[in-house]
Amino acid sequence: MIYSLYSISLKLKTPSEQGKKVNFKNDQDDLLEALYEFNMKYRSWSKRLILTKIENNFFNIILVIEKDKDKISTREIRSFTAYLNKEKNWSVYSRESSKLFGGIKFLEISHSEAKNIISTIQSESQLYKLQEEDISFLLQTENQLTQKEINEEKNKTSCETNEDLSDEQAVVIFDYLIKTKNLGNNYKKKKETILQIKDMLIKWL
């Protein structure tokens, strides 16, 4: 399940003299290796990354969040950065090894927007083939909305329904449920609804 999606662009935050000369296009293997390790650790229960574009001095990734989280920031990819620093010696590219990258862009995107970004990667390229499992996960997900968007739509609909129902109508409906709780094919559902309402009301006693 995809909960939310983010488009992220990263560059070196405080490049060293060596970092000023770096060309990320020449470091694609390092980036893909770091993403692979990140995804092996987190995907299927928490999050995953997809590398979508590499330029000379910046690269783009999609962050896929797979569980309900309200506050999302670049901290979500710290282990990706840590791997590059420790395992690939990228700390030499920065004057601050603890802050390798700075964000050019950090933007929440829709499922359809993410698919459009993925479509820009050539399917025959190494960039695509080495990430095919994670790309397929994103492309083959049936829902066209992320889970966050679905929840927001449900909350919106619920609020609109509550506003349409007056206090007087609510009292009449509850009274009807009590009086007919043993009648009709839906009597079990009526009793369940009555108990649920009572559980909410008793908290106010």
N, C-alpha and C. Protein backbone atom coordinates (compact mmCIF):
# COMPACT_ATOMS: atom_id res chain seq x y z
N MET A 1 0.84 -1.20 0.00
CA MET A 1 0.00 0.00 0.00
C MET A 1 0.88 1.26 0.00
N ILE A 2 0.57 2.17 -0.88
CA ILE A 2 1.28 3.45 -0.90
C ILE A 2 0.48 4.46 -0.10
N TYR A 3 1.12 5.03 0.92
CA TYR A 3 0.42 6.03 1.73
C TYR A 3 0.62 7.44 1.16
N SER A 4 1.86 7.81 0.86
CA SER A 4 2.13 9.12 0.28
C SER A 4 3.42 9.08 -0.53
N LEU A 5 3.59 10.08 -1.41
CA LEU A 5 4.73 10.12 -2.33
C LEU A 5 5.35 11.51 -2.33
N TYR A 6 6.68 11.55 -2.47
CA TYR A 6 7.38 12.84 -2.46
C TYR A 6 8.45 12.86 -3.54
N SER A 7 8.49 13.98 -4.25
CA SER A 7 9.53 14.20 -5.25
C SER A 7 10.63 15.05 -4.59
N ILE A 8 11.86 14.53 -4.64
CA ILE A 8 12.97 15.19 -3.95
C ILE A 8 14.12 15.42 -4.93
N SER A 9 14.67 16.63 -4.91
CA SER A 9 15.89 16.95 -5.67
C SER A 9 16.98 17.30 -4.68
N LEU A 10 18.15 16.69 -4.85
CA LEU A 10 19.25 16.88 -3.90
C LEU A 10 20.53 17.32 -4.59
N LYS A 11 21.27 18.16 -3.91
CA LYS A 11 22.60 18.57 -4.34
C LYS A 11 23.50 18.60 -3.11
N LEU A 12 24.79 18.72 -3.31
CA LEU A 12 25.71 18.83 -2.19
C LEU A 12 25.44 20.13 -1.45
N LYS A 13 25.32 20.06 -0.14
CA LYS A 13 24.96 21.24 0.63
C LYS A 13 26.14 22.20 0.77
N THR A 14 27.28 21.68 1.23
CA THR A 14 28.48 22.51 1.38
C THR A 14 29.65 21.77 0.74
N PRO A 15 29.75 21.80 -0.58
CA PRO A 15 30.77 21.00 -1.26
C PRO A 15 32.20 21.42 -0.93
N SER A 16 33.03 20.42 -0.76
CA SER A 16 34.48 20.65 -0.60
C SER A 16 35.06 20.97 -1.96
N GLU A 17 36.36 21.19 -2.02
CA GLU A 17 37.00 21.45 -3.31
C GLU A 17 36.81 20.26 -4.24
N GLN A 18 36.88 19.05 -3.66
CA GLN A 18 36.66 17.85 -4.47
C GLN A 18 35.19 17.75 -4.86
N GLY A 19 34.31 18.15 -3.94
CA GLY A 19 32.88 18.09 -4.21
C GLY A 19 32.47 19.05 -5.32
N LYS A 20 33.16 20.17 -5.44
CA LYS A 20 32.83 21.13 -6.48
C LYS A 20 33.11 20.58 -7.88
N LYS A 21 33.93 19.56 -7.95
CA LYS A 21 34.28 18.97 -9.23
C LYS A 21 33.46 17.71 -9.55
N VAL A 22 32.64 17.28 -8.59
CA VAL A 22 31.93 16.02 -8.75
C VAL A 22 30.87 16.12 -9.85
N ASN A 23 30.68 15.04 -10.55
CA ASN A 23 29.63 14.91 -11.55
C ASN A 23 28.81 13.67 -11.18
N PHE A 24 27.60 13.88 -10.72
CA PHE A 24 26.79 12.77 -10.24
C PHE A 24 26.53 11.72 -11.32
N LYS A 25 26.59 12.13 -12.57
CA LYS A 25 26.38 11.17 -13.66
C LYS A 25 27.44 10.07 -13.64
N ASN A 26 28.63 10.43 -13.16
CA ASN A 26 29.71 9.46 -13.07
C ASN A 26 29.59 8.58 -11.82
N ASP A 27 28.68 8.94 -10.93
CA ASP A 27 28.52 8.22 -9.67
C ASP A 27 27.18 7.48 -9.59
N GLN A 28 26.60 7.17 -10.74
CA GLN A 28 25.30 6.49 -10.76
C GLN A 28 25.34 5.17 -10.00
N ASP A 29 26.43 4.42 -10.15
CA ASP A 29 26.53 3.11 -9.48
C ASP A 29 26.48 3.27 -7.97
N ASP A 30 27.17 4.29 -7.44
CA ASP A 30 27.15 4.54 -5.99
C ASP A 30 25.73 4.87 -5.51
N LEU A 31 25.06 5.72 -6.28
CA LEU A 31 23.70 6.12 -5.91
C LEU A 31 22.75 4.93 -5.92
N LEU A 32 22.85 4.11 -6.94
CA LEU A 32 21.98 2.95 -7.05
C LEU A 32 22.28 1.91 -5.96
N GLU A 33 23.54 1.77 -5.62
CA GLU A 33 23.91 0.84 -4.56
C GLU A 33 23.35 1.31 -3.22
N ALA A 34 23.45 2.61 -2.95
CA ALA A 34 22.92 3.17 -1.71
C ALA A 34 21.40 3.03 -1.65
N LEU A 35 20.73 3.25 -2.79
CA LEU A 35 19.28 3.07 -2.85
C LEU A 35 18.90 1.61 -2.63
N TYR A 36 19.67 0.70 -3.21
CA TYR A 36 19.39 -0.73 -3.04
C TYR A 36 19.45 -1.12 -1.57
N GLU A 37 20.50 -0.67 -0.89
CA GLU A 37 20.65 -0.99 0.53
C GLU A 37 19.53 -0.37 1.36
N PHE A 38 19.16 0.84 1.02
CA PHE A 38 18.06 1.53 1.71
C PHE A 38 16.76 0.74 1.53
N ASN A 39 16.46 0.35 0.30
CA ASN A 39 15.20 -0.34 0.01
C ASN A 39 15.17 -1.75 0.61
N MET A 40 16.29 -2.42 0.65
CA MET A 40 16.34 -3.74 1.27
C MET A 40 16.02 -3.65 2.76
N LYS A 41 16.38 -2.54 3.36
CA LYS A 41 16.17 -2.35 4.79
C LYS A 41 14.75 -1.93 5.11
N TYR A 42 14.15 -1.06 4.26
CA TYR A 42 12.89 -0.42 4.65
C TYR A 42 11.65 -0.81 3.84
N ARG A 43 11.81 -1.23 2.60
CA ARG A 43 10.63 -1.40 1.75
C ARG A 43 9.73 -2.52 2.25
N SER A 44 8.50 -2.46 1.82
CA SER A 44 7.44 -3.42 2.14
C SER A 44 6.83 -3.20 3.52
N TRP A 45 7.46 -2.41 4.36
CA TRP A 45 6.83 -2.12 5.67
C TRP A 45 6.92 -0.65 6.04
N SER A 46 7.74 0.12 5.35
CA SER A 46 7.91 1.50 5.77
C SER A 46 8.04 2.47 4.60
N LYS A 47 9.07 2.31 3.78
CA LYS A 47 9.34 3.28 2.73
C LYS A 47 10.33 2.71 1.72
N ARG A 48 10.46 3.36 0.60
CA ARG A 48 11.45 2.99 -0.41
C ARG A 48 11.77 4.20 -1.27
N LEU A 49 12.89 4.14 -1.98
CA LEU A 49 13.35 5.22 -2.85
C LEU A 49 13.47 4.73 -4.28
N ILE A 50 13.20 5.65 -5.22
CA ILE A 50 13.43 5.39 -6.64
C ILE A 50 14.21 6.56 -7.22
N LEU A 51 15.34 6.27 -7.82
CA LEU A 51 16.16 7.30 -8.46
C LEU A 51 15.60 7.56 -9.85
N THR A 52 15.22 8.79 -10.13
CA THR A 52 14.53 9.08 -11.39
C THR A 52 15.34 9.91 -12.38
N LYS A 53 16.31 10.67 -11.90
CA LYS A 53 17.08 11.53 -12.81
C LYS A 53 18.42 11.88 -12.18
N ILE A 54 19.46 11.90 -13.00
CA ILE A 54 20.79 12.29 -12.53
C ILE A 54 21.35 13.36 -13.46
N GLU A 55 21.74 14.48 -12.89
CA GLU A 55 22.41 15.55 -13.63
C GLU A 55 23.80 15.75 -13.06
N ASN A 56 24.54 16.69 -13.62
CA ASN A 56 25.92 16.89 -13.18
C ASN A 56 26.01 17.21 -11.69
N ASN A 57 25.17 18.14 -11.22
CA ASN A 57 25.30 18.60 -9.84
C ASN A 57 24.06 18.40 -8.98
N PHE A 58 23.09 17.61 -9.46
CA PHE A 58 21.95 17.25 -8.63
C PHE A 58 21.32 15.96 -9.17
N PHE A 59 20.50 15.35 -8.33
CA PHE A 59 19.75 14.16 -8.76
C PHE A 59 18.37 14.17 -8.12
N ASN A 60 17.44 13.47 -8.76
CA ASN A 60 16.06 13.43 -8.28
C ASN A 60 15.68 12.03 -7.83
N ILE A 61 14.92 11.95 -6.76
CA ILE A 61 14.41 10.68 -6.27
C ILE A 61 12.93 10.82 -5.91
N ILE A 62 12.24 9.71 -5.92
CA ILE A 62 10.87 9.64 -5.40
C ILE A 62 10.92 8.86 -4.09
N LEU A 63 10.38 9.45 -3.05
CA LEU A 63 10.27 8.78 -1.75
C LEU A 63 8.86 8.21 -1.64
N VAL A 64 8.77 6.90 -1.50
CA VAL A 64 7.48 6.21 -1.37
C VAL A 64 7.28 5.85 0.10
N ILE A 65 6.25 6.43 0.71
CA ILE A 65 5.94 6.14 2.11
C ILE A 65 4.84 5.08 2.14
N GLU A 66 5.08 3.98 2.86
CA GLU A 66 4.17 2.85 2.83
C GLU A 66 3.39 2.66 4.14
N LYS A 67 3.45 3.64 5.02
CA LYS A 67 2.64 3.56 6.24
C LYS A 67 2.21 4.95 6.64
N ASP A 68 1.22 5.03 7.51
CA ASP A 68 0.63 6.30 7.92
C ASP A 68 1.63 7.12 8.73
N LYS A 69 2.09 8.22 8.15
CA LYS A 69 2.98 9.15 8.85
C LYS A 69 2.58 10.57 8.48
N ASP A 70 2.43 11.41 9.50
CA ASP A 70 1.99 12.78 9.25
C ASP A 70 3.13 13.72 8.86
N LYS A 71 4.26 13.58 9.53
CA LYS A 71 5.38 14.50 9.31
C LYS A 71 6.48 13.80 8.52
N ILE A 72 6.66 14.24 7.29
CA ILE A 72 7.67 13.66 6.41
C ILE A 72 8.68 14.74 6.04
N SER A 73 9.95 14.42 6.15
CA SER A 73 11.01 15.37 5.78
C SER A 73 12.17 14.58 5.19
N THR A 74 13.24 15.30 4.85
CA THR A 74 14.41 14.63 4.28
C THR A 74 15.10 13.72 5.30
N ARG A 75 14.70 13.80 6.56
CA ARG A 75 15.24 12.87 7.56
C ARG A 75 14.90 11.42 7.23
N GLU A 76 13.85 11.25 6.43
CA GLU A 76 13.45 9.90 6.05
C GLU A 76 14.53 9.18 5.25
N ILE A 77 15.46 9.93 4.66
CA ILE A 77 16.48 9.29 3.80
C ILE A 77 17.87 9.36 4.43
N ARG A 78 17.93 9.54 5.75
CA ARG A 78 19.23 9.68 6.41
C ARG A 78 20.13 8.45 6.20
N SER A 79 19.55 7.26 6.23
CA SER A 79 20.39 6.07 6.09
C SER A 79 20.96 5.95 4.67
N PHE A 80 20.25 6.51 3.69
CA PHE A 80 20.77 6.59 2.32
C PHE A 80 22.02 7.46 2.28
N THR A 81 21.93 8.62 2.91
CA THR A 81 23.08 9.53 2.99
C THR A 81 24.22 8.90 3.78
N ALA A 82 23.89 8.25 4.89
CA ALA A 82 24.91 7.65 5.75
C ALA A 82 25.68 6.55 5.00
N TYR A 83 24.97 5.80 4.16
CA TYR A 83 25.63 4.74 3.40
C TYR A 83 26.65 5.34 2.43
N LEU A 84 26.26 6.40 1.74
CA LEU A 84 27.19 7.04 0.80
C LEU A 84 28.42 7.58 1.53
N ASN A 85 28.21 8.16 2.69
CA ASN A 85 29.31 8.71 3.47
C ASN A 85 30.28 7.63 3.94
N LYS A 86 29.71 6.57 4.54
CA LYS A 86 30.54 5.57 5.20
C LYS A 86 31.08 4.51 4.25
N GLU A 87 30.21 4.04 3.36
CA GLU A 87 30.59 2.91 2.50
C GLU A 87 31.21 3.33 1.17
N LYS A 88 30.84 4.51 0.68
CA LYS A 88 31.33 4.96 -0.62
C LYS A 88 32.25 6.19 -0.50
N ASN A 89 32.53 6.58 0.72
CA ASN A 89 33.49 7.67 0.99
C ASN A 89 33.06 9.01 0.41
N TRP A 90 31.76 9.26 0.37
CA TRP A 90 31.27 10.53 -0.17
C TRP A 90 31.50 11.69 0.80
N SER A 91 31.94 11.40 2.00
CA SER A 91 32.21 12.47 2.96
C SER A 91 33.27 13.43 2.44
N VAL A 92 34.11 12.95 1.51
CA VAL A 92 35.16 13.82 0.95
C VAL A 92 34.57 14.90 0.06
N TYR A 93 33.31 14.74 -0.34
CA TYR A 93 32.67 15.71 -1.21
C TYR A 93 32.11 16.92 -0.44
N SER A 94 32.08 16.81 0.87
CA SER A 94 31.42 17.85 1.67
C SER A 94 32.32 18.37 2.78
N ARG A 95 32.16 19.65 3.09
CA ARG A 95 32.86 20.23 4.24
C ARG A 95 32.19 19.85 5.54
N GLU A 96 30.94 19.38 5.46
CA GLU A 96 30.20 18.91 6.63
C GLU A 96 29.73 17.48 6.35
N SER A 97 30.45 16.51 6.86
CA SER A 97 30.13 15.12 6.54
C SER A 97 28.76 14.70 7.06
N SER A 98 28.28 15.37 8.12
CA SER A 98 26.98 15.01 8.68
C SER A 98 25.83 15.62 7.89
N LYS A 99 26.15 16.53 6.98
CA LYS A 99 25.12 17.19 6.16
C LYS A 99 25.56 17.17 4.71
N LEU A 100 25.51 15.99 4.14
CA LEU A 100 26.03 15.81 2.78
C LEU A 100 25.19 16.55 1.76
N PHE A 101 23.86 16.40 1.84
CA PHE A 101 22.98 16.97 0.82
C PHE A 101 22.12 18.11 1.36
N GLY A 102 21.77 18.99 0.43
CA GLY A 102 20.78 20.02 0.69
C GLY A 102 19.65 19.83 -0.30
N GLY A 103 18.44 20.09 0.14
CA GLY A 103 17.30 19.87 -0.73
C GLY A 103 17.02 21.05 -1.64
N ILE A 104 16.98 20.80 -2.94
CA ILE A 104 16.53 21.81 -3.89
C ILE A 104 15.01 21.83 -3.92
N LYS A 105 14.44 20.61 -3.81
CA LYS A 105 12.98 20.48 -3.87
C LYS A 105 12.56 19.32 -2.98
N PHE A 106 11.48 19.53 -2.23
CA PHE A 106 10.86 18.47 -1.44
C PHE A 106 9.36 18.69 -1.54
N LEU A 107 8.71 17.93 -2.42
CA LEU A 107 7.32 18.22 -2.78
C LEU A 107 6.48 16.96 -2.74
N GLU A 108 5.35 17.01 -2.03
CA GLU A 108 4.43 15.89 -2.04
C GLU A 108 3.73 15.84 -3.40
N ILE A 109 3.63 14.65 -3.96
CA ILE A 109 3.03 14.50 -5.29
C ILE A 109 1.95 13.42 -5.26
N SER A 110 1.10 13.44 -6.27
CA SER A 110 0.05 12.44 -6.40
C SER A 110 0.60 11.17 -7.05
N HIS A 111 -0.20 10.12 -7.00
CA HIS A 111 0.21 8.85 -7.62
C HIS A 111 0.39 9.03 -9.14
N SER A 112 -0.53 9.74 -9.77
CA SER A 112 -0.44 9.94 -11.21
C SER A 112 0.79 10.77 -11.58
N GLU A 113 1.12 11.76 -10.74
CA GLU A 113 2.33 12.57 -10.99
C GLU A 113 3.58 11.71 -10.87
N ALA A 114 3.59 10.81 -9.89
CA ALA A 114 4.75 9.92 -9.73
C ALA A 114 4.91 9.01 -10.95
N LYS A 115 3.79 8.50 -11.45
CA LYS A 115 3.85 7.64 -12.63
C LYS A 115 4.35 8.41 -13.85
N ASN A 116 3.97 9.67 -13.95
CA ASN A 116 4.45 10.49 -15.07
C ASN A 116 5.96 10.70 -14.99
N ILE A 117 6.47 10.87 -13.77
CA ILE A 117 7.92 11.02 -13.59
C ILE A 117 8.63 9.73 -13.98
N ILE A 118 8.09 8.60 -13.53
CA ILE A 118 8.69 7.31 -13.84
C ILE A 118 8.72 7.07 -15.35
N SER A 119 7.70 7.56 -16.05
CA SER A 119 7.62 7.35 -17.50
C SER A 119 8.75 8.04 -18.26
N THR A 120 9.44 8.98 -17.62
CA THR A 120 10.55 9.67 -18.27
C THR A 120 11.84 8.86 -18.26
N ILE A 121 11.86 7.76 -17.48
CA ILE A 121 13.04 6.90 -17.43
C ILE A 121 12.96 5.89 -18.56
N GLN A 122 13.96 5.80 -19.37
CA GLN A 122 13.96 4.86 -20.49
C GLN A 122 13.99 3.42 -19.96
N SER A 123 13.05 2.62 -20.41
CA SER A 123 12.90 1.26 -19.87
C SER A 123 14.09 0.36 -20.18
N GLU A 124 14.89 0.73 -21.15
CA GLU A 124 16.06 -0.08 -21.50
C GLU A 124 17.32 0.39 -20.79
N SER A 125 17.21 1.45 -20.03
CA SER A 125 18.40 2.01 -19.37
C SER A 125 18.75 1.21 -18.12
N GLN A 126 20.01 1.31 -17.72
CA GLN A 126 20.47 0.66 -16.49
C GLN A 126 19.72 1.23 -15.28
N LEU A 127 19.45 2.54 -15.34
CA LEU A 127 18.74 3.21 -14.25
C LEU A 127 17.38 2.55 -14.01
N TYR A 128 16.71 2.15 -15.08
CA TYR A 128 15.40 1.50 -14.97
C TYR A 128 15.55 0.04 -14.55
N LYS A 129 16.40 -0.68 -15.23
CA LYS A 129 16.51 -2.13 -15.02
C LYS A 129 16.95 -2.47 -13.60
N LEU A 130 17.85 -1.67 -13.02
CA LEU A 130 18.35 -1.95 -11.68
C LEU A 130 17.36 -1.56 -10.59
N GLN A 131 16.27 -0.89 -10.98
CA GLN A 131 15.25 -0.51 -10.01
C GLN A 131 13.88 -1.07 -10.39
N GLU A 132 13.89 -2.07 -11.26
CA GLU A 132 12.64 -2.54 -11.87
C GLU A 132 11.63 -3.03 -10.83
N GLU A 133 12.09 -3.68 -9.78
CA GLU A 133 11.16 -4.18 -8.76
C GLU A 133 10.41 -3.04 -8.09
N ASP A 134 11.13 -1.98 -7.73
CA ASP A 134 10.48 -0.86 -7.04
C ASP A 134 9.66 0.00 -8.00
N ILE A 135 10.12 0.12 -9.24
CA ILE A 135 9.34 0.84 -10.25
C ILE A 135 8.04 0.09 -10.53
N SER A 136 8.12 -1.24 -10.64
CA SER A 136 6.92 -2.04 -10.89
C SER A 136 5.94 -1.93 -9.74
N PHE A 137 6.46 -1.89 -8.52
CA PHE A 137 5.59 -1.73 -7.35
C PHE A 137 4.76 -0.46 -7.47
N LEU A 138 5.41 0.62 -7.88
CA LEU A 138 4.71 1.90 -8.01
C LEU A 138 3.73 1.88 -9.18
N LEU A 139 4.16 1.36 -10.32
CA LEU A 139 3.32 1.38 -11.52
C LEU A 139 2.15 0.41 -11.44
N GLN A 140 2.32 -0.70 -10.75
CA GLN A 140 1.28 -1.72 -10.73
C GLN A 140 0.29 -1.56 -9.58
N THR A 141 0.53 -0.61 -8.71
CA THR A 141 -0.42 -0.37 -7.63
C THR A 141 -1.75 0.05 -8.24
N GLU A 142 -2.81 -0.62 -7.85
CA GLU A 142 -4.11 -0.40 -8.49
C GLU A 142 -4.69 0.97 -8.20
N ASN A 143 -4.58 1.43 -6.95
CA ASN A 143 -5.19 2.70 -6.59
C ASN A 143 -4.53 3.85 -7.32
N GLN A 144 -5.35 4.72 -7.90
CA GLN A 144 -4.83 5.91 -8.56
C GLN A 144 -4.59 7.03 -7.55
N LEU A 145 -5.10 6.84 -6.34
CA LEU A 145 -4.86 7.79 -5.26
C LEU A 145 -3.96 7.14 -4.24
N THR A 146 -3.12 7.92 -3.58
CA THR A 146 -2.35 7.38 -2.46
C THR A 146 -3.31 7.17 -1.30
N GLN A 147 -2.90 6.38 -0.31
CA GLN A 147 -3.77 6.13 0.84
C GLN A 147 -4.05 7.42 1.59
N LYS A 148 -3.09 8.33 1.62
CA LYS A 148 -3.30 9.62 2.28
C LYS A 148 -4.41 10.39 1.58
N GLU A 149 -4.39 10.39 0.25
CA GLU A 149 -5.42 11.10 -0.51
C GLU A 149 -6.79 10.45 -0.29
N ILE A 150 -6.82 9.11 -0.20
CA ILE A 150 -8.08 8.41 0.05
C ILE A 150 -8.63 8.79 1.42
N ASN A 151 -7.75 8.81 2.43
CA ASN A 151 -8.19 9.18 3.79
C ASN A 151 -8.72 10.60 3.84
N GLU A 152 -8.02 11.50 3.14
CA GLU A 152 -8.46 12.90 3.13
C GLU A 152 -9.82 13.04 2.45
N GLU A 153 -10.03 12.25 1.39
CA GLU A 153 -11.32 12.28 0.68
C GLU A 153 -12.43 11.74 1.57
N LYS A 154 -12.13 10.68 2.32
CA LYS A 154 -13.11 10.11 3.25
C LYS A 154 -13.47 11.12 4.34
N ASN A 155 -12.44 11.80 4.88
CA ASN A 155 -12.69 12.78 5.93
C ASN A 155 -13.53 13.94 5.41
N LYS A 156 -13.23 14.35 4.17
CA LYS A 156 -13.99 15.44 3.55
C LYS A 156 -15.45 15.04 3.38
N THR A 157 -15.67 13.82 2.89
CA THR A 157 -17.04 13.32 2.68
C THR A 157 -17.77 13.20 4.01
N SER A 158 -17.06 12.72 5.03
CA SER A 158 -17.66 12.56 6.35
C SER A 158 -18.08 13.90 6.92
N CYS A 159 -17.22 14.91 6.77
CA CYS A 159 -17.53 16.25 7.28
C CYS A 159 -18.74 16.84 6.56
N GLU A 160 -18.78 16.63 5.24
CA GLU A 160 -19.90 17.15 4.46
C GLU A 160 -21.21 16.48 4.88
N THR A 161 -21.14 15.16 5.15
CA THR A 161 -22.33 14.42 5.58
C THR A 161 -22.80 14.91 6.94
N ASN A 162 -21.84 15.13 7.86
CA ASN A 162 -22.20 15.59 9.19
C ASN A 162 -22.84 16.97 9.16
N GLU A 163 -22.35 17.83 8.27
CA GLU A 163 -22.90 19.18 8.16
C GLU A 163 -24.31 19.15 7.57
N ASP A 164 -24.59 18.16 6.70
CA ASP A 164 -25.91 18.07 6.06
C ASP A 164 -26.97 17.55 7.02
N LEU A 165 -26.55 16.85 8.09
CA LEU A 165 -27.49 16.27 9.04
C LEU A 165 -27.68 17.22 10.22
N SER A 166 -28.91 17.71 10.42
CA SER A 166 -29.20 18.65 11.51
C SER A 166 -29.27 17.90 12.84
N ASP A 167 -29.18 18.64 13.95
CA ASP A 167 -29.29 18.04 15.28
C ASP A 167 -30.65 17.36 15.45
N GLU A 168 -31.70 18.04 14.97
CA GLU A 168 -33.05 17.49 15.11
C GLU A 168 -33.20 16.18 14.35
N GLN A 169 -32.59 16.12 13.16
CA GLN A 169 -32.67 14.90 12.35
C GLN A 169 -31.91 13.76 13.04
N ALA A 170 -30.77 14.10 13.64
CA ALA A 170 -29.98 13.09 14.33
C ALA A 170 -30.77 12.47 15.49
N VAL A 171 -31.48 13.32 16.26
CA VAL A 171 -32.30 12.84 17.38
C VAL A 171 -33.41 11.93 16.87
N VAL A 172 -34.08 12.34 15.80
CA VAL A 172 -35.17 11.55 15.23
C VAL A 172 -34.67 10.19 14.77
N ILE A 173 -33.51 10.16 14.11
CA ILE A 173 -32.96 8.90 13.61
C ILE A 173 -32.58 7.97 14.75
N PHE A 174 -31.96 8.53 15.79
CA PHE A 174 -31.57 7.71 16.94
C PHE A 174 -32.80 7.14 17.65
N ASP A 175 -33.82 7.97 17.77
CA ASP A 175 -35.08 7.53 18.38
C ASP A 175 -35.70 6.39 17.56
N TYR A 176 -35.65 6.53 16.26
CA TYR A 176 -36.19 5.49 15.36
C TYR A 176 -35.42 4.18 15.54
N LEU A 177 -34.09 4.26 15.63
CA LEU A 177 -33.27 3.06 15.80
C LEU A 177 -33.62 2.32 17.08
N ILE A 178 -33.82 3.09 18.16
CA ILE A 178 -34.15 2.47 19.46
C ILE A 178 -35.52 1.79 19.40
N LYS A 179 -36.49 2.46 18.82
CA LYS A 179 -37.85 1.93 18.76
C LYS A 179 -37.98 0.71 17.86
N THR A 180 -37.11 0.60 16.87
CA THR A 180 -37.24 -0.50 15.90
C THR A 180 -36.04 -1.46 15.96
N LYS A 181 -35.31 -1.44 17.06
CA LYS A 181 -34.06 -2.21 17.13
C LYS A 181 -34.27 -3.72 17.01
N ASN A 182 -35.46 -4.20 17.30
CA ASN A 182 -35.73 -5.64 17.21
C ASN A 182 -36.52 -6.01 15.96
N LEU A 183 -36.72 -5.04 15.08
CA LEU A 183 -37.55 -5.26 13.90
C LEU A 183 -36.73 -5.22 12.62
N GLY A 184 -37.21 -5.92 11.60
CA GLY A 184 -36.60 -5.86 10.28
C GLY A 184 -35.38 -6.76 10.10
N ASN A 185 -34.95 -6.87 8.86
CA ASN A 185 -33.80 -7.72 8.54
C ASN A 185 -32.49 -7.17 9.07
N ASN A 186 -32.46 -5.85 9.32
CA ASN A 186 -31.22 -5.21 9.75
C ASN A 186 -31.18 -4.97 11.25
N TYR A 187 -31.93 -5.77 12.02
CA TYR A 187 -32.01 -5.50 13.46
C TYR A 187 -30.65 -5.63 14.15
N LYS A 188 -29.81 -6.56 13.67
CA LYS A 188 -28.48 -6.71 14.27
C LYS A 188 -27.62 -5.47 14.03
N LYS A 189 -27.72 -4.93 12.82
CA LYS A 189 -26.96 -3.72 12.48
C LYS A 189 -27.45 -2.53 13.29
N LYS A 190 -28.78 -2.47 13.51
CA LYS A 190 -29.34 -1.38 14.32
C LYS A 190 -28.79 -1.44 15.74
N LYS A 191 -28.78 -2.64 16.32
CA LYS A 191 -28.28 -2.79 17.69
C LYS A 191 -26.80 -2.42 17.79
N GLU A 192 -26.02 -2.81 16.80
CA GLU A 192 -24.60 -2.46 16.78
C GLU A 192 -24.42 -0.94 16.72
N THR A 193 -25.24 -0.30 15.88
CA THR A 193 -25.16 1.16 15.75
C THR A 193 -25.54 1.85 17.05
N ILE A 194 -26.60 1.36 17.69
CA ILE A 194 -27.05 1.93 18.97
C ILE A 194 -25.95 1.81 20.02
N LEU A 195 -25.31 0.65 20.10
CA LEU A 195 -24.22 0.45 21.07
C LEU A 195 -23.04 1.38 20.79
N GLN A 196 -22.72 1.57 19.52
CA GLN A 196 -21.61 2.45 19.15
C GLN A 196 -21.91 3.90 19.56
N ILE A 197 -23.17 4.32 19.33
CA ILE A 197 -23.55 5.69 19.72
C ILE A 197 -23.52 5.83 21.24
N LYS A 198 -24.02 4.83 21.96
CA LYS A 198 -24.02 4.87 23.42
C LYS A 198 -22.59 4.93 23.97
N ASP A 199 -21.69 4.17 23.34
CA ASP A 199 -20.29 4.20 23.78
C ASP A 199 -19.70 5.60 23.65
N MET A 200 -20.07 6.30 22.58
CA MET A 200 -19.58 7.67 22.40
C MET A 200 -20.21 8.63 23.39
N LEU A 201 -21.52 8.42 23.66
CA LEU A 201 -22.24 9.34 24.55
C LEU A 201 -21.82 9.20 26.01
N ILE A 202 -21.51 7.96 26.42
CA ILE A 202 -21.21 7.73 27.83
C ILE A 202 -19.95 8.45 28.27
N LYS A 203 -19.08 8.78 27.33
CA LYS A 203 -17.85 9.50 27.66
C LYS A 203 -18.13 10.90 28.16
N TRP A 204 -19.33 11.40 27.87
CA TRP A 204 -19.71 12.77 28.26
C TRP A 204 -20.45 12.82 29.58
N LEU A 205 -20.66 11.67 30.21
CA LEU A 205 -21.36 11.64 31.51
C LEU A 205 -20.42 12.03 32.64
